[in-house]
């Protein structure tokens, strides 16, 4: 393979894969955190609604 024989190409491709992979992992973590925050907020709202006296 001619492209793989170039040291510059192999290092560039390796860096792209490395930082691309890190970006994907970070995005997955951010989405997970957002889902957790949304669920926690919903639980808090349900708890507060159940604590209100009837007719209030």
Protein backbone atom coordinates (compact mmCIF):
# COMPACT_ATOMS: atom_id res chain seq x y z
CA UNK A 1 0.00 0.00 0.00
CA UNK A 2 1.61 3.23 -1.18
CA UNK A 3 -0.22 5.58 1.22
CA UNK A 4 0.72 3.58 4.29
CA UNK A 5 4.40 3.80 3.39
CA UNK A 6 4.43 7.57 3.99
CA UNK A 7 5.46 8.30 7.58
CA UNK A 8 3.75 11.68 7.51
CA UNK A 9 0.47 10.14 6.34
CA UNK A 10 0.52 7.41 8.97
CA UNK A 11 1.20 9.90 11.78
CA UNK A 12 -1.48 12.29 10.51
CA UNK A 13 -4.01 9.49 10.18
CA UNK A 14 -3.14 8.25 13.67
CA UNK A 15 -3.68 11.70 15.15
CA UNK A 16 -7.00 12.11 13.34
CA UNK A 17 -8.22 8.76 14.65
CA UNK A 18 -7.00 9.51 18.18
CA UNK A 19 -8.53 12.95 18.53
CA UNK A 20 -11.66 11.96 16.64
CA UNK A 21 -12.14 9.08 19.05
CA UNK A 22 -11.62 11.37 22.04
CA UNK A 23 -14.22 13.75 20.60
CA UNK A 24 -16.75 10.95 20.23
CA UNK A 25 -16.17 9.77 23.80
CA UNK A 26 -16.52 13.30 25.18
CA UNK A 27 -19.78 13.82 23.25
CA UNK A 28 -21.18 10.56 24.61
CA UNK A 29 -20.32 11.64 28.16
CA UNK A 30 -21.93 15.06 27.64
CA UNK A 31 -25.15 13.47 26.33
CA UNK A 32 -25.18 11.07 29.30
CA UNK A 33 -24.81 13.97 31.73
CA UNK A 34 -27.62 15.90 30.00
CA UNK A 35 -29.94 12.87 30.26
CA UNK A 36 -29.09 12.45 33.95
CA UNK A 37 -29.77 16.13 34.65
CA UNK A 38 -33.11 15.97 32.86
CA UNK A 39 -34.17 12.88 34.81
CA UNK A 40 -33.10 14.38 38.13
CA UNK A 41 -35.04 17.58 37.41
CA UNK A 42 -38.16 15.60 36.55
CA UNK A 43 -37.86 13.61 39.79
CA UNK A 44 -37.47 16.84 41.78
CA UNK A 45 -40.55 18.37 40.14
CA UNK A 46 -42.60 15.25 40.85
CA UNK A 47 -41.45 15.27 44.48
CA UNK A 48 -42.31 18.95 44.92
CA UNK A 49 -45.72 18.42 43.30
CA UNK A 50 -46.49 15.58 45.69
CA UNK A 51 -45.56 17.74 48.70
CA UNK A 52 -48.04 20.54 47.88
CA UNK A 53 -51.18 20.51 49.98
CA UNK A 54 -54.40 19.71 48.11
CA UNK A 55 -56.02 22.78 46.56
CA UNK A 56 -52.88 24.90 46.74
